[in-house]
C-alpha atoms as a PDB file:
ATOM      1  CA  MET A   1      -3.116   1.642  10.931  1.00  0.00           C
ATOM      2  CA  ALA A   2      -6.357   0.245  11.450  1.00  0.00           C
ATOM      3  CA  LEU A   3      -9.531   1.170   9.405  1.00  0.00           C
ATOM      4  CA  PRO A   4     -11.714   4.026  10.891  1.00  0.00           C
ATOM      5  CA  GLN A   5     -15.052   2.841  11.997  1.00  0.00           C
ATOM      6  CA  ILE A   6     -18.366   2.715   9.879  1.00  0.00           C
ATOM      7  CA  GLU A   7     -20.392   5.677  11.303  1.00  0.00           C
ATOM      8  CA  GLY A   8     -24.284   5.387  11.524  1.00  0.00           C
ATOM      9  CA  GLY A   9     -26.761   6.769   9.484  1.00  0.00           C
ATOM     10  CA  LEU A  10     -24.137   6.723   6.532  1.00  0.00           C
ATOM     11  CA  LYS A  11     -24.792   5.400   2.978  1.00  0.00           C
ATOM     12  CA  ASP A  12     -21.400   5.682   1.737  1.00  0.00           C
ATOM     13  CA  LYS A  13     -19.693   2.041   1.117  1.00  0.00           C
ATOM     14  CA  THR A  14     -16.144   3.458   1.381  1.00  0.00           C
ATOM     15  CA  ARG A  15     -14.460   4.610   4.111  1.00  0.00           C
ATOM     16  CA  LYS A  16     -11.125   7.182   3.819  1.00  0.00           C
ATOM     17  CA  VAL A  17      -8.115   6.017   5.145  1.00  0.00           C
ATOM     18  CA  TYR A  18      -5.272   7.938   5.841  1.00  0.00           C
ATOM     19  CA  ALA A  19      -1.507   7.210   6.410  1.00  0.00           C
ATOM     20  CA  GLU A  20       1.333   9.273   7.246  1.00  0.00           C
ATOM     21  CA  ILE A  21       4.535   8.171   5.887  1.00  0.00           C
ATOM     22  CA  PRO A  22       8.048   9.807   5.413  1.00  0.00           C
ATOM     23  CA  ALA A  23       8.605  12.240   2.281  1.00  0.00           C
ATOM     24  CA  GLU A  24      11.561   9.865   1.280  1.00  0.00           C
ATOM     25  CA  SER A  25       8.977   6.573   1.726  1.00  0.00           C
ATOM     26  CA  TYR A  26       6.368   8.660  -0.619  1.00  0.00           C
ATOM     27  CA  LEU A  27       9.137   9.484  -3.393  1.00  0.00           C
ATOM     28  CA  ASN A  28      10.539   6.073  -3.452  1.00  0.00           C
ATOM     29  CA  PHE A  29       6.825   4.420  -3.862  1.00  0.00           C
ATOM     30  CA  GLU A  30       6.375   7.583  -6.502  1.00  0.00           C
ATOM     31  CA  MET A  31       9.778   6.285  -8.108  1.00  0.00           C
ATOM     32  CA  GLU A  32       9.137   2.568  -7.675  1.00  0.00           C
ATOM     33  CA  ALA A  33       5.612   2.958  -9.741  1.00  0.00           C
ATOM     34  CA  SER A  34       7.180   5.383 -12.462  1.00  0.00           C
ATOM     35  CA  ARG A  35       9.528   2.253 -12.992  1.00  0.00           C
ATOM     36  CA  ARG A  36       7.088  -0.283 -13.327  1.00  0.00           C
ATOM     37  CA  GLY A  37       4.979   1.870 -15.836  1.00  0.00           C
ATOM     38  CA  VAL A  38       2.106   2.063 -13.489  1.00  0.00           C
ATOM     39  CA  THR A  39       0.417   4.709 -11.605  1.00  0.00           C
ATOM     40  CA  PRO A  40       0.819   4.727  -7.860  1.00  0.00           C
ATOM     41  CA  TYR A  41      -2.622   3.907  -7.410  1.00  0.00           C
ATOM     42  CA  ARG A  42      -2.634   1.084  -9.011  1.00  0.00           C
ATOM     43  CA  LEU A  43       0.602  -0.336  -7.570  1.00  0.00           C
ATOM     44  CA  ALA A  44      -0.771   0.518  -3.886  1.00  0.00           C
ATOM     45  CA  SER A  45      -3.855  -1.439  -5.241  1.00  0.00           C
ATOM     46  CA  ALA A  46      -1.854  -4.269  -6.300  1.00  0.00           C
ATOM     47  CA  ILE A  47       0.209  -4.482  -3.071  1.00  0.00           C
ATOM     48  CA  ILE A  48      -2.495  -4.652  -1.117  1.00  0.00           C
ATOM     49  CA  ALA A  49      -4.359  -7.079  -3.003  1.00  0.00           C
ATOM     50  CA  GLU A  50      -1.454  -9.341  -2.526  1.00  0.00           C
ATOM     51  CA  TYR A  51      -0.969  -8.408   1.088  1.00  0.00           C
ATOM     52  CA  LEU A  52      -5.135  -9.586   1.481  1.00  0.00           C
ATOM     53  CA  ALA A  53      -4.366 -12.642  -0.217  1.00  0.00           C
ATOM     54  CA  GLY A  54      -1.423 -13.417   2.060  1.00  0.00           C
ATOM     55  CA  GLY A  55       1.087 -13.013  -0.381  1.00  0.00           C
ATOM     56  CA  LEU A  56       3.470 -11.180   1.042  1.00  0.00           C
ATOM     57  CA  VAL A  57       6.051 -11.935   3.861  1.00  0.00           C
ATOM     58  CA  GLU A  58       8.254  -9.575   6.461  1.00  0.00           C
ATOM     59  CA  GLN A  59      11.633  -9.589   5.040  1.00  0.00           C
ATOM     60  CA  GLN A  60      13.847  -9.859   7.628  1.00  0.00           C
ATOM     61  CA  PRO A  61      16.548  -7.088   7.998  1.00  0.00           C
ATOM     62  CA  GLY A  62      20.112  -7.907   5.978  1.00  0.00           C
ATOM     63  CA  THR A  63      18.359 -10.364   3.462  1.00  0.00           C
ATOM     64  CA  ASP A  64      18.558  -9.261  -0.117  1.00  0.00           C
ATOM     65  CA  ARG A  65      15.603  -7.548  -1.778  1.00  0.00           C
ATOM     66  CA  LYS A  66      13.467  -9.978  -4.187  1.00  0.00           C
ATOM     67  CA  GLU A  67      12.057  -8.845  -7.200  1.00  0.00           C
ATOM     68  CA  GLY A  68       8.774  -8.243  -7.247  1.00  0.00           C
ATOM     69  CA  PHE A  69       6.573  -6.888  -4.680  1.00  0.00           C
END
């Protein structure tokens, strides 16, 4: 997924990004946010911030899931 291009002439400093995910993944995300006591938006923000800081690593198939992000 890539960010949309900035259109010339627009003064808005934000860009909207839409992602399509399977319903099961969306529901799992909602339940995880609820389990952590945060909104889905806050959880997504924390995950994106961690990704941008280089703190996320790809999990290899068959390995145990680590707590946290």
